[in-house]
PDB file of N, CA and C in Angstrom:
ATOM      1  N   MET A   1     165.766 368.064  82.566  1.00  0.00           N
ATOM      2  CA  MET A   1     167.212 367.806  83.323  1.00  0.00           C
ATOM      3  C   MET A   1     168.285 368.957  82.900  1.00  0.00           C
ATOM      4  N   ILE A   2     168.310 369.032  81.878  1.00  0.00           N
ATOM      5  CA  ILE A   2     169.546 370.043  81.245  1.00  0.00           C
ATOM      6  C   ILE A   2     169.408 371.438  81.793  1.00  0.00           C
ATOM      7  N   ALA A   3     168.171 371.907  81.568  1.00  0.00           N
ATOM      8  CA  ALA A   3     167.767 373.159  82.459  1.00  0.00           C
ATOM      9  C   ALA A   3     168.148 373.133  83.729  1.00  0.00           C
ATOM     10  N   LEU A   4     167.866 372.248  84.551  1.00  0.00           N
ATOM     11  CA  LEU A   4     168.405 372.282  85.675  1.00  0.00           C
ATOM     12  C   LEU A   4     169.748 372.092  86.144  1.00  0.00           C
ATOM     13  N   ALA A   5     170.744 371.398  85.274  1.00  0.00           N
ATOM     14  CA  ALA A   5     171.938 371.361  85.425  1.00  0.00           C
ATOM     15  C   ALA A   5     172.660 372.888  84.973  1.00  0.00           C
ATOM     16  N   LYS A   6     171.920 373.450  84.092  1.00  0.00           N
ATOM     17  CA  LYS A   6     172.531 374.732  83.627  1.00  0.00           C
ATOM     18  C   LYS A   6     172.158 375.865  84.925  1.00  0.00           C
ATOM     19  N   ALA A   7     171.112 375.806  85.662  1.00  0.00           N
ATOM     20  CA  ALA A   7     170.392 376.537  86.679  1.00  0.00           C
ATOM     21  C   ALA A   7     171.388 377.200  87.436  1.00  0.00           C
ATOM     22  N   ASP A   8     172.647 377.208  88.059  1.00  0.00           N
ATOM     23  CA  ASP A   8     173.158 378.028  89.109  1.00  0.00           C
ATOM     24  C   ASP A   8     174.780 378.812  87.733  1.00  0.00           C
ATOM     25  N   GLY A   9     174.390 378.419  86.343  1.00  0.00           N
ATOM     26  CA  GLY A   9     174.871 379.491  85.857  1.00  0.00           C
ATOM     27  C   GLY A   9     176.178 378.974  85.128  1.00  0.00           C
ATOM     28  N   HIS A  10     176.651 377.337  85.469  1.00  0.00           N
ATOM     29  CA  HIS A  10     177.329 376.417  84.880  1.00  0.00           C
ATOM     30  C   HIS A  10     176.955 374.929  84.951  1.00  0.00           C
ATOM     31  N   LEU A  11     178.168 374.370  83.841  1.00  0.00           N
ATOM     32  CA  LEU A  11     177.352 372.781  84.086  1.00  0.00           C
ATOM     33  C   LEU A  11     178.905 371.943  84.184  1.00  0.00           C
ATOM     34  N   HIS A  12     178.517 371.937  85.567  1.00  0.00           N
ATOM     35  CA  HIS A  12     180.113 371.386  86.217  1.00  0.00           C
ATOM     36  C   HIS A  12     179.983 369.591  85.524  1.00  0.00           C
ATOM     37  N   THR A  13     181.122 369.193  85.379  1.00  0.00           N
ATOM     38  CA  THR A  13     181.739 368.214  85.073  1.00  0.00           C
ATOM     39  C   THR A  13     180.959 366.570  85.518  1.00  0.00           C
ATOM     40  N   ASP A  14     180.546 367.006  86.941  1.00  0.00           N
ATOM     41  CA  ASP A  14     180.006 365.831  87.338  1.00  0.00           C
ATOM     42  C   ASP A  14     177.937 365.819  87.178  1.00  0.00           C
ATOM     43  N   GLU A  15     177.771 367.243  86.763  1.00  0.00           N
ATOM     44  CA  GLU A  15     176.284 367.115  86.360  1.00  0.00           C
ATOM     45  C   GLU A  15     176.270 366.682  84.766  1.00  0.00           C
ATOM     46  N   GLU A  16     177.049 367.058  83.819  1.00  0.00           N
ATOM     47  CA  GLU A  16     177.032 366.458  82.596  1.00  0.00           C
ATOM     48  C   GLU A  16     177.299 364.733  82.333  1.00  0.00           C
ATOM     49  N   LYS A  17     178.317 364.424  83.098  1.00  0.00           N
ATOM     50  CA  LYS A  17     178.360 362.948  83.307  1.00  0.00           C
ATOM     51  C   LYS A  17     176.744 362.301  83.444  1.00  0.00           C
ATOM     52  N   MET A  18     176.259 362.653  84.906  1.00  0.00           N
ATOM     53  CA  MET A  18     174.859 362.440  84.915  1.00  0.00           C
ATOM     54  C   MET A  18     173.930 362.630  84.118  1.00  0.00           C
ATOM     55  N   LEU A  19     174.012 363.853  83.062  1.00  0.00           N
ATOM     56  CA  LEU A  19     173.426 364.043  82.432  1.00  0.00           C
ATOM     57  C   LEU A  19     173.371 362.890  80.732  1.00  0.00           C
ATOM     58  N   TYR A  20     174.558 362.707  80.771  1.00  0.00           N
ATOM     59  CA  TYR A  20     174.287 361.066  79.878  1.00  0.00           C
ATOM     60  C   TYR A  20     173.993 359.955  80.489  1.00  0.00           C
ATOM     61  N   LYS A  21     174.425 359.732  81.887  1.00  0.00           N
ATOM     62  CA  LYS A  21     173.707 358.141  82.621  1.00  0.00           C
ATOM     63  C   LYS A  21     172.161 358.699  82.313  1.00  0.00           C
ATOM     64  N   LEU A  22     171.291 359.196  82.950  1.00  0.00           N
ATOM     65  CA  LEU A  22     170.217 359.789  82.485  1.00  0.00           C
ATOM     66  C   LEU A  22     169.370 359.552  81.303  1.00  0.00           C
ATOM     67  N   GLY A  23     170.241 360.280  80.498  1.00  0.00           N
ATOM     68  CA  GLY A  23     169.762 360.214  79.222  1.00  0.00           C
ATOM     69  C   GLY A  23     170.003 358.741  78.820  1.00  0.00           C
ATOM     70  N   ALA A  24     170.893 357.902  78.678  1.00  0.00           N
ATOM     71  CA  ALA A  24     170.821 356.332  78.676  1.00  0.00           C
ATOM     72  C   ALA A  24     169.411 355.584  79.345  1.00  0.00           C
ATOM     73  N   LYS A  25     169.623 356.102  80.407  1.00  0.00           N
ATOM     74  CA  LYS A  25     168.199 355.325  80.940  1.00  0.00           C
ATOM     75  C   LYS A  25     167.305 355.789  80.345  1.00  0.00           C
ATOM     76  N   TYR A  26     166.406 357.082  79.552  1.00  0.00           N
ATOM     77  CA  TYR A  26     165.265 357.155  78.628  1.00  0.00           C
ATOM     78  C   TYR A  26     165.603 357.199  77.183  1.00  0.00           C
ATOM     79  N   GLY A  27     166.692 355.704  76.906  1.00  0.00           N
ATOM     80  CA  GLY A  27     166.709 355.717  75.394  1.00  0.00           C
ATOM     81  C   GLY A  27     167.546 356.519  74.917  1.00  0.00           C
ATOM     82  N   LEU A  28     168.371 357.524  74.957  1.00  0.00           N
ATOM     83  CA  LEU A  28     169.028 358.331  74.247  1.00  0.00           C
ATOM     84  C   LEU A  28     170.627 358.624  73.974  1.00  0.00           C
ATOM     85  N   LYS A  29     170.729 358.477  72.759  1.00  0.00           N
ATOM     86  CA  LYS A  29     172.605 358.066  72.553  1.00  0.00           C
ATOM     87  C   LYS A  29     173.295 359.139  72.998  1.00  0.00           C
ATOM     88  N   ASP A  30     174.473 359.157  72.856  1.00  0.00           N
ATOM     89  CA  ASP A  30     175.246 359.858  73.578  1.00  0.00           C
ATOM     90  C   ASP A  30     175.255 361.055  72.326  1.00  0.00           C
ATOM     91  N   ARG A  31     175.251 361.177  71.382  1.00  0.00           N
ATOM     92  CA  ARG A  31     175.306 362.542  70.426  1.00  0.00           C
ATOM     93  C   ARG A  31     173.550 363.199  70.538  1.00  0.00           C
ATOM     94  N   GLN A  32     172.890 362.595  71.048  1.00  0.00           N
ATOM     95  CA  GLN A  32     171.486 363.163  70.989  1.00  0.00           C
ATOM     96  C   GLN A  32     171.418 363.719  72.331  1.00  0.00           C
ATOM     97  N   ILE A  33     172.220 363.390  73.464  1.00  0.00           N
ATOM     98  CA  ILE A  33     172.605 364.102  74.815  1.00  0.00           C
ATOM     99  C   ILE A  33     173.618 364.927  74.332  1.00  0.00           C
ATOM    100  N   ALA A  34     174.344 365.059  73.531  1.00  0.00           N
ATOM    101  CA  ALA A  34     175.294 366.313  73.356  1.00  0.00           C
ATOM    102  C   ALA A  34     174.412 367.246  72.358  1.00  0.00           C
ATOM    103  N   SER A  35     174.150 366.849  71.686  1.00  0.00           N
ATOM    104  CA  SER A  35     173.363 368.115  70.908  1.00  0.00           C
ATOM    105  C   SER A  35     171.854 368.857  71.858  1.00  0.00           C
ATOM    106  N   LEU A  36     171.835 368.057  72.563  1.00  0.00           N
ATOM    107  CA  LEU A  36     170.988 368.784  73.803  1.00  0.00           C
ATOM    108  C   LEU A  36     171.324 369.552  74.951  1.00  0.00           C
ATOM    109  N   ILE A  37     172.501 368.655  75.544  1.00  0.00           N
ATOM    110  CA  ILE A  37     173.376 369.821  76.117  1.00  0.00           C
ATOM    111  C   ILE A  37     173.695 371.428  75.314  1.00  0.00           C
ATOM    112  N   SER A  38     174.285 371.174  74.295  1.00  0.00           N
ATOM    113  CA  SER A  38     174.900 372.207  73.495  1.00  0.00           C
ATOM    114  C   SER A  38     173.784 373.320  72.803  1.00  0.00           C
ATOM    115  N   SER A  39     173.027 372.729  73.041  1.00  0.00           N
ATOM    116  CA  SER A  39     171.568 373.809  72.206  1.00  0.00           C
ATOM    117  C   SER A  39     171.218 374.691  73.536  1.00  0.00           C
ATOM    118  N   GLU A  40     170.865 376.259  72.465  1.00  0.00           N
ATOM    119  CA  GLU A  40     170.616 377.212  73.212  1.00  0.00           C
ATOM    120  C   GLU A  40     168.871 377.355  73.166  1.00  0.00           C
ATOM    121  N   LYS A  41     168.348 376.068  72.688  1.00  0.00           N
ATOM    122  CA  LYS A  41     166.791 376.450  72.508  1.00  0.00           C
ATOM    123  C   LYS A  41     166.082 375.507  73.385  1.00  0.00           C
ATOM    124  N   LYS A  42     165.055 376.503  74.002  1.00  0.00           N
ATOM    125  CA  LYS A  42     164.446 376.291  75.513  1.00  0.00           C
ATOM    126  C   LYS A  42     163.521 374.836  74.947  1.00  0.00           C
ATOM    127  N   ASN A  43     163.487 374.028  75.774  1.00  0.00           N
ATOM    128  CA  ASN A  43     162.856 372.821  75.891  1.00  0.00           C
ATOM    129  C   ASN A  43     160.822 373.157  76.025  1.00  0.00           C
ATOM    130  N   GLU A  44     160.414 372.194  75.465  1.00  0.00           N
ATOM    131  CA  GLU A  44     159.129 372.856  76.049  1.00  0.00           C
ATOM    132  C   GLU A  44     158.901 372.065  77.323  1.00  0.00           C
ATOM    133  N   LEU A  45     158.182 372.259  77.993  1.00  0.00           N
ATOM    134  CA  LEU A  45     158.052 371.427  79.390  1.00  0.00           C
ATOM    135  C   LEU A  45     157.115 369.890  79.126  1.00  0.00           C
ATOM    136  N   GLN A  46     157.060 369.399  79.282  1.00  0.00           N
ATOM    137  CA  GLN A  46     156.120 368.126  79.203  1.00  0.00           C
ATOM    138  C   GLN A  46     155.754 367.444  80.630  1.00  0.00           C
ATOM    139  N   ILE A  47     154.537 367.396  81.112  1.00  0.00           N
ATOM    140  CA  ILE A  47     154.254 367.313  82.624  1.00  0.00           C
ATOM    141  C   ILE A  47     153.851 365.808  82.014  1.00  0.00           C
ATOM    142  N   PRO A  48     154.457 364.879  83.057  1.00  0.00           N
ATOM    143  CA  PRO A  48     154.572 363.489  82.945  1.00  0.00           C
ATOM    144  C   PRO A  48     152.528 362.869  83.433  1.00  0.00           C
ATOM    145  N   ASP A  49     151.832 362.196  82.953  1.00  0.00           N
ATOM    146  CA  ASP A  49     150.663 361.760  82.992  1.00  0.00           C
ATOM    147  C   ASP A  49     150.179 361.504  84.431  1.00  0.00           C
ATOM    148  N   THR A  50     151.055 360.614  85.042  1.00  0.00           N
ATOM    149  CA  THR A  50     150.682 359.492  86.498  1.00  0.00           C
ATOM    150  C   THR A  50     151.778 360.488  87.495  1.00  0.00           C
ATOM    151  N   HIS A  51     151.219 359.859  88.565  1.00  0.00           N
ATOM    152  CA  HIS A  51     151.850 360.149  89.871  1.00  0.00           C
ATOM    153  C   HIS A  51     153.513 359.450  90.337  1.00  0.00           C
ATOM    154  N   ASP A  52     153.276 358.127  90.092  1.00  0.00           N
ATOM    155  CA  ASP A  52     154.233 357.604  89.506  1.00  0.00           C
ATOM    156  C   ASP A  52     155.508 358.331  88.602  1.00  0.00           C
ATOM    157  N   GLN A  53     154.873 358.581  87.287  1.00  0.00           N
ATOM    158  CA  GLN A  53     156.230 359.227  86.335  1.00  0.00           C
ATOM    159  C   GLN A  53     156.464 360.679  86.764  1.00  0.00           C
ATOM    160  N   LYS A  54     155.727 360.994  87.565  1.00  0.00           N
ATOM    161  CA  LYS A  54     155.912 362.646  88.328  1.00  0.00           C
ATOM    162  C   LYS A  54     157.071 362.231  89.700  1.00  0.00           C
ATOM    163  N   MET A  55     156.846 361.584  90.097  1.00  0.00           N
ATOM    164  CA  MET A  55     157.548 361.365  90.666  1.00  0.00           C
ATOM    165  C   MET A  55     158.810 360.589  90.440  1.00  0.00           C
ATOM    166  N   ASN A  56     159.307 359.947  89.498  1.00  0.00           N
ATOM    167  CA  ASN A  56     159.775 359.539  89.348  1.00  0.00           C
ATOM    168  C   ASN A  56     161.077 360.582  88.469  1.00  0.00           C
ATOM    169  N   GLN A  57     160.415 361.307  87.760  1.00  0.00           N
ATOM    170  CA  GLN A  57     161.244 362.645  87.470  1.00  0.00           C
ATOM    171  C   GLN A  57     161.926 363.369  88.813  1.00  0.00           C
ATOM    172  N   LEU A  58     161.131 363.653  89.569  1.00  0.00           N
ATOM    173  CA  LEU A  58     161.636 364.263  90.619  1.00  0.00           C
ATOM    174  C   LEU A  58     162.872 363.597  91.491  1.00  0.00           C
ATOM    175  N   TYR A  59     162.447 362.395  91.236  1.00  0.00           N
ATOM    176  CA  TYR A  59     164.086 361.350  91.697  1.00  0.00           C
ATOM    177  C   TYR A  59     164.917 361.866  90.581  1.00  0.00           C
ATOM    178  N   ASP A  60     164.924 362.004  89.145  1.00  0.00           N
ATOM    179  CA  ASP A  60     165.782 361.983  88.277  1.00  0.00           C
ATOM    180  C   ASP A  60     166.723 363.621  88.985  1.00  0.00           C
ATOM    181  N   LEU A  61     165.620 364.985  88.802  1.00  0.00           N
ATOM    182  CA  LEU A  61     166.099 365.821  89.217  1.00  0.00           C
ATOM    183  C   LEU A  61     166.664 366.100  90.790  1.00  0.00           C
ATOM    184  N   VAL A  62     166.283 365.511  91.497  1.00  0.00           N
ATOM    185  CA  VAL A  62     167.056 364.981  93.005  1.00  0.00           C
ATOM    186  C   VAL A  62     168.036 364.615  92.737  1.00  0.00           C
ATOM    187  N   ILE A  63     168.608 363.696  92.170  1.00  0.00           N
ATOM    188  CA  ILE A  63     169.751 362.805  91.325  1.00  0.00           C
ATOM    189  C   ILE A  63     170.907 364.166  90.894  1.00  0.00           C
ATOM    190  N   MET A  64     170.010 365.085  89.962  1.00  0.00           N
ATOM    191  CA  MET A  64     170.718 366.197  89.627  1.00  0.00           C
ATOM    192  C   MET A  64     171.263 367.200  90.278  1.00  0.00           C
ATOM    193  N   VAL A  65     170.394 367.242  91.346  1.00  0.00           N
ATOM    194  CA  VAL A  65     170.788 368.437  92.468  1.00  0.00           C
ATOM    195  C   VAL A  65     171.931 367.963  93.152  1.00  0.00           C
ATOM    196  N   TYR A  66     171.937 366.633  93.425  1.00  0.00           N
ATOM    197  CA  TYR A  66     173.828 366.298  93.784  1.00  0.00           C
ATOM    198  C   TYR A  66     174.932 365.354  93.279  1.00  0.00           C
ATOM    199  N   ALA A  67     174.383 365.720  91.678  1.00  0.00           N
ATOM    200  CA  ALA A  67     175.283 365.570  91.058  1.00  0.00           C
ATOM    201  C   ALA A  67     176.640 365.752  90.842  1.00  0.00           C
ATOM    202  N   ASP A  68     176.857 367.167  91.339  1.00  0.00           N
ATOM    203  CA  ASP A  68     177.607 367.737  91.398  1.00  0.00           C
ATOM    204  C   ASP A  68     178.158 367.903  93.170  1.00  0.00           C
ATOM    205  N   GLY A  69     177.802 367.728  94.246  1.00  0.00           N
ATOM    206  CA  GLY A  69     178.105 367.334  95.552  1.00  0.00           C
ATOM    207  C   GLY A  69     177.254 368.550  96.057  1.00  0.00           C
ATOM    208  N   VAL A  70     176.812 369.491  95.590  1.00  0.00           N
ATOM    209  CA  VAL A  70     176.531 370.746  96.220  1.00  0.00           C
ATOM    210  C   VAL A  70     175.133 371.569  95.513  1.00  0.00           C
ATOM    211  N   VAL A  71     174.343 371.349  96.806  1.00  0.00           N
ATOM    212  CA  VAL A  71     173.091 371.451  96.393  1.00  0.00           C
ATOM    213  C   VAL A  71     172.482 373.168  96.477  1.00  0.00           C
ATOM    214  N   GLU A  72     172.738 373.539  95.269  1.00  0.00           N
ATOM    215  CA  GLU A  72     172.399 375.246  94.896  1.00  0.00           C
ATOM    216  C   GLU A  72     171.292 375.570  95.511  1.00  0.00           C
ATOM    217  N   GLU A  73     170.979 376.864  95.857  1.00  0.00           N
ATOM    218  CA  GLU A  73     169.494 377.283  95.913  1.00  0.00           C
ATOM    219  C   GLU A  73     168.978 377.507  94.716  1.00  0.00           C
ATOM    220  N   SER A  74     169.228 378.028  93.542  1.00  0.00           N
ATOM    221  CA  SER A  74     169.449 377.904  92.390  1.00  0.00           C
ATOM    222  C   SER A  74     168.153 377.182  91.641  1.00  0.00           C
ATOM    223  N   GLU A  75     169.109 376.086  92.196  1.00  0.00           N
ATOM    224  CA  GLU A  75     168.749 373.844  91.596  1.00  0.00           C
ATOM    225  C   GLU A  75     167.060 374.078  92.224  1.00  0.00           C
ATOM    226  N   VAL A  76     167.506 374.317  93.735  1.00  0.00           N
ATOM    227  CA  VAL A  76     166.035 373.881  94.554  1.00  0.00           C
ATOM    228  C   VAL A  76     164.890 374.405  93.704  1.00  0.00           C
ATOM    229  N   GLU A  77     165.178 375.980  93.579  1.00  0.00           N
ATOM    230  CA  GLU A  77     163.817 376.614  93.379  1.00  0.00           C
ATOM    231  C   GLU A  77     163.618 376.417  91.863  1.00  0.00           C
ATOM    232  N   PHE A  78     164.661 376.033  91.584  1.00  0.00           N
ATOM    233  CA  PHE A  78     163.933 375.882  90.052  1.00  0.00           C
ATOM    234  C   PHE A  78     163.108 373.948  90.239  1.00  0.00           C
ATOM    235  N   CYS A  79     163.791 373.336  90.843  1.00  0.00           N
ATOM    236  CA  CYS A  79     162.662 371.673  90.749  1.00  0.00           C
ATOM    237  C   CYS A  79     161.229 372.383  91.637  1.00  0.00           C
ATOM    238  N   GLU A  80     161.276 373.184  92.496  1.00  0.00           N
ATOM    239  CA  GLU A  80     160.284 373.960  93.486  1.00  0.00           C
ATOM    240  C   GLU A  80     159.307 374.421  92.574  1.00  0.00           C
ATOM    241  N   ASP A  81     159.766 375.010  91.130  1.00  0.00           N
ATOM    242  CA  ASP A  81     158.770 375.516  90.486  1.00  0.00           C
ATOM    243  C   ASP A  81     158.181 374.664  89.033  1.00  0.00           C
ATOM    244  N   LEU A  82     158.875 373.456  88.765  1.00  0.00           N
ATOM    245  CA  LEU A  82     158.403 372.511  88.052  1.00  0.00           C
ATOM    246  C   LEU A  82     157.719 371.728  88.633  1.00  0.00           C
ATOM    247  N   MET A  83     158.109 371.194  90.303  1.00  0.00           N
ATOM    248  CA  MET A  83     156.641 370.243  90.826  1.00  0.00           C
ATOM    249  C   MET A  83     155.600 371.286  90.860  1.00  0.00           C
ATOM    250  N   GLU A  84     156.224 372.390  91.189  1.00  0.00           N
ATOM    251  CA  GLU A  84     154.325 373.151  91.151  1.00  0.00           C
ATOM    252  C   GLU A  84     153.629 372.956  89.982  1.00  0.00           C
ATOM    253  N   GLN A  85     154.325 373.108  88.706  1.00  0.00           N
ATOM    254  CA  GLN A  85     153.719 372.848  87.477  1.00  0.00           C
ATOM    255  C   GLN A  85     152.929 371.559  87.376  1.00  0.00           C
ATOM    256  N   PHE A  86     154.130 370.382  88.474  1.00  0.00           N
ATOM    257  CA  PHE A  86     153.520 369.050  88.374  1.00  0.00           C
ATOM    258  C   PHE A  86     152.493 368.977  89.018  1.00  0.00           C
ATOM    259  N   GLY A  87     151.602 369.601  89.708  1.00  0.00           N
ATOM    260  CA  GLY A  87     150.477 369.773  90.787  1.00  0.00           C
ATOM    261  C   GLY A  87     150.796 369.508  92.225  1.00  0.00           C
ATOM    262  N   PHE A  88     152.417 369.832  92.571  1.00  0.00           N
ATOM    263  CA  PHE A  88     152.406 369.393  93.856  1.00  0.00           C
ATOM    264  C   PHE A  88     152.614 371.033  94.591  1.00  0.00           C
ATOM    265  N   ARG A  89     152.896 370.422  96.025  1.00  0.00           N
ATOM    266  CA  ARG A  89     153.479 371.765  96.692  1.00  0.00           C
ATOM    267  C   ARG A  89     155.014 371.698  96.629  1.00  0.00           C
ATOM    268  N   LYS A  90     155.341 373.100  96.983  1.00  0.00           N
ATOM    269  CA  LYS A  90     157.299 373.016  96.149  1.00  0.00           C
ATOM    270  C   LYS A  90     157.729 372.497  97.880  1.00  0.00           C
ATOM    271  N   ASP A  91     156.600 372.491  98.451  1.00  0.00           N
ATOM    272  CA  ASP A  91     158.038 371.657  99.781  1.00  0.00           C
ATOM    273  C   ASP A  91     158.342 370.449  99.421  1.00  0.00           C
ATOM    274  N   ILE A  92     157.380 369.714  98.697  1.00  0.00           N
ATOM    275  CA  ILE A  92     158.061 368.543  98.380  1.00  0.00           C
ATOM    276  C   ILE A  92     159.302 367.878  97.673  1.00  0.00           C
ATOM    277  N   VAL A  93     160.050 369.132  97.448  1.00  0.00           N
ATOM    278  CA  VAL A  93     161.486 369.169  96.804  1.00  0.00           C
ATOM    279  C   VAL A  93     162.723 369.149  98.249  1.00  0.00           C
ATOM    280  N   ARG A  94     162.054 369.916  98.925  1.00  0.00           N
ATOM    281  CA  ARG A  94     163.503 370.016 100.193  1.00  0.00           C
ATOM    282  C   ARG A  94     163.081 368.731 101.281  1.00  0.00           C
ATOM    283  N   TRP A  95     161.380 368.048 100.949  1.00  0.00           N
ATOM    284  CA  TRP A  95     161.656 366.907 101.494  1.00  0.00           C
ATOM    285  C   TRP A  95     162.443 365.673 101.094  1.00  0.00           C
ATOM    286  N   MET A  96     162.355 365.832  99.601  1.00  0.00           N
ATOM    287  CA  MET A  96     163.030 364.763  98.548  1.00  0.00           C
ATOM    288  C   MET A  96     164.771 364.808  98.798  1.00  0.00           C
ATOM    289  N   ILE A  97     164.672 366.123  98.914  1.00  0.00           N
ATOM    290  CA  ILE A  97     166.391 366.173  98.977  1.00  0.00           C
ATOM    291  C   ILE A  97     166.741 365.321 100.654  1.00  0.00           C
ATOM    292  N   ASP A  98     166.122 365.957 101.279  1.00  0.00           N
ATOM    293  CA  ASP A  98     165.965 365.000 102.812  1.00  0.00           C
ATOM    294  C   ASP A  98     166.068 363.632 102.782  1.00  0.00           C
ATOM    295  N   MET A  99     165.074 363.182 101.853  1.00  0.00           N
ATOM    296  CA  MET A  99     165.047 361.574 101.965  1.00  0.00           C
ATOM    297  C   MET A  99     166.121 361.235 101.136  1.00  0.00           C
ATOM    298  N   PHE A 100     167.013 361.539 100.413  1.00  0.00           N
ATOM    299  CA  PHE A 100     168.261 361.325  99.526  1.00  0.00           C
ATOM    300  C   PHE A 100     169.468 361.340 100.833  1.00  0.00           C
ATOM    301  N   ASP A 101     169.380 361.962 101.797  1.00  0.00           N
ATOM    302  CA  ASP A 101     170.130 361.895 103.066  1.00  0.00           C
ATOM    303  C   ASP A 101     171.890 362.099 102.290  1.00  0.00           C
ATOM    304  N   LYS A 102     172.015 363.415 102.154  1.00  0.00           N
ATOM    305  CA  LYS A 102     173.569 363.720 100.944  1.00  0.00           C
ATOM    306  C   LYS A 102     173.687 362.895  99.954  1.00  0.00           C
ATOM    307  N   GLY A 103     172.763 362.695  99.215  1.00  0.00           N
ATOM    308  CA  GLY A 103     173.001 361.943  98.108  1.00  0.00           C
ATOM    309  C   GLY A 103     172.965 361.006  97.498  1.00  0.00           C
ATOM    310  N   ASN A 104     172.616 360.143  98.714  1.00  0.00           N
ATOM    311  CA  ASN A 104     172.491 358.463  98.923  1.00  0.00           C
ATOM    312  C   ASN A 104     171.058 358.355  98.369  1.00  0.00           C
ATOM    313  N   PRO A 105     170.613 357.487  96.929  1.00  0.00           N
ATOM    314  CA  PRO A 105     169.127 357.733  97.086  1.00  0.00           C
ATOM    315  C   PRO A 105     168.661 356.783  97.648  1.00  0.00           C
ATOM    316  N   PRO A 106     167.447 356.498  97.757  1.00  0.00           N
ATOM    317  CA  PRO A 106     166.524 355.335  98.829  1.00  0.00           C
ATOM    318  C   PRO A 106     166.767 354.225  97.967  1.00  0.00           C
ATOM    319  N   THR A 107     166.199 353.253  98.785  1.00  0.00           N
ATOM    320  CA  THR A 107     166.623 351.590  97.802  1.00  0.00           C
ATOM    321  C   THR A 107     165.124 351.964  97.320  1.00  0.00           C
ATOM    322  N   PRO A 108     165.532 350.416  95.862  1.00  0.00           N
ATOM    323  CA  PRO A 108     163.983 350.390  95.837  1.00  0.00           C
ATOM    324  C   PRO A 108     163.183 350.286  96.147  1.00  0.00           C
ATOM    325  N   GLU A 109     162.861 349.564  97.530  1.00  0.00           N
ATOM    326  CA  GLU A 109     161.576 349.230  98.167  1.00  0.00           C
ATOM    327  C   GLU A 109     161.148 350.184  98.918  1.00  0.00           C
ATOM    328  N   ALA A 110     162.351 351.898  99.329  1.00  0.00           N
ATOM    329  CA  ALA A 110     161.654 352.339 100.061  1.00  0.00           C
ATOM    330  C   ALA A 110     161.572 353.701  99.116  1.00  0.00           C
ATOM    331  N   TRP A 111     162.309 353.551  97.743  1.00  0.00           N
ATOM    332  CA  TRP A 111     161.407 354.045  97.075  1.00  0.00           C
ATOM    333  C   TRP A 111     159.772 354.213  96.512  1.00  0.00           C
ATOM    334  N   GLU A 112     159.414 352.985  96.535  1.00  0.00           N
ATOM    335  CA  GLU A 112     158.171 352.733  96.394  1.00  0.00           C
ATOM    336  C   GLU A 112     157.691 353.431  97.521  1.00  0.00           C
ATOM    337  N   GLU A 113     157.663 353.392  99.073  1.00  0.00           N
ATOM    338  CA  GLU A 113     156.970 353.732  99.643  1.00  0.00           C
ATOM    339  C   GLU A 113     157.219 355.135  99.859  1.00  0.00           C
ATOM    340  N   LEU A 114     158.067 355.731  99.650  1.00  0.00           N
ATOM    341  CA  LEU A 114     158.105 357.426  99.199  1.00  0.00           C
ATOM    342  C   LEU A 114     157.318 358.220  98.403  1.00  0.00           C
ATOM    343  N   LYS A 115     157.043 357.054  96.820  1.00  0.00           N
ATOM    344  CA  LYS A 115     156.722 357.668  95.800  1.00  0.00           C
ATOM    345  C   LYS A 115     154.688 357.396  96.613  1.00  0.00           C
ATOM    346  N   TYR A 116     154.510 357.212  96.768  1.00  0.00           N
ATOM    347  CA  TYR A 116     152.906 357.071  98.031  1.00  0.00           C
ATOM    348  C   TYR A 116     153.291 357.953  98.467  1.00  0.00           C
ATOM    349  N   GLU A 117     153.980 358.159  99.839  1.00  0.00           N
ATOM    350  CA  GLU A 117     154.156 359.203 100.780  1.00  0.00           C
ATOM    351  C   GLU A 117     154.072 360.540  99.730  1.00  0.00           C
ATOM    352  N   GLY A 118     154.797 360.870  98.855  1.00  0.00           N
ATOM    353  CA  GLY A 118     154.657 362.127  98.141  1.00  0.00           C
ATOM    354  C   GLY A 118     152.933 362.389  97.407  1.00  0.00           C
ATOM    355  N   LYS A 119     152.043 361.540  97.922  1.00  0.00           N
ATOM    356  CA  LYS A 119     151.134 361.795  97.489  1.00  0.00           C
ATOM    357  C   LYS A 119     150.368 363.104  98.254  1.00  0.00           C
ATOM    358  N   LYS A 120     150.920 363.172  99.507  1.00  0.00           N
ATOM    359  CA  LYS A 120     150.443 364.242 100.743  1.00  0.00           C
ATOM    360  C   LYS A 120     151.030 365.663 100.092  1.00  0.00           C
ATOM    361  N   TYR A 121     152.098 365.900  99.137  1.00  0.00           N
ATOM    362  CA  TYR A 121     152.064 367.148  98.728  1.00  0.00           C
ATOM    363  C   TYR A 121     151.491 367.406  97.020  1.00  0.00           C
ATOM    364  N   ILE A 122     150.016 366.899  97.057  1.00  0.00           N
ATOM    365  CA  ILE A 122     149.260 366.978  95.524  1.00  0.00           C
ATOM    366  C   ILE A 122     148.604 368.495  95.950  1.00  0.00           C
ATOM    367  N   LYS A 123     148.948 369.355  95.886  1.00  0.00           N
ATOM    368  CA  LYS A 123     148.168 370.732  95.500  1.00  0.00           C
ATOM    369  C   LYS A 123     146.402 370.028  95.460  1.00  0.00           C
TER     370      LYS A 123
END
């Protein structure tokens, strides 16, 4: 998430706020998140094990893409590269961005359906 937030060359205030929100979702404390944000160390990619976990990671990535209100091409390309490493076709990213309808995430019920639909993008 941090690499994505920095993909366009700068960390916008709204992106930083979203990093703290997502970090808390994953059980990180503010000081841990701050340390990760300020670190210059390249983080090792950990590919989730299950389809649901991969889709949930994509969900969080798209939330980050919309965090500053601007969908940057560099952010989309970053997500596409990541999703290819997850075993998806890269067009899943633009499909998911469309599903978020200008930053409004799908309802929990709709999200369960979208996760299932996401299987059609597996390589």
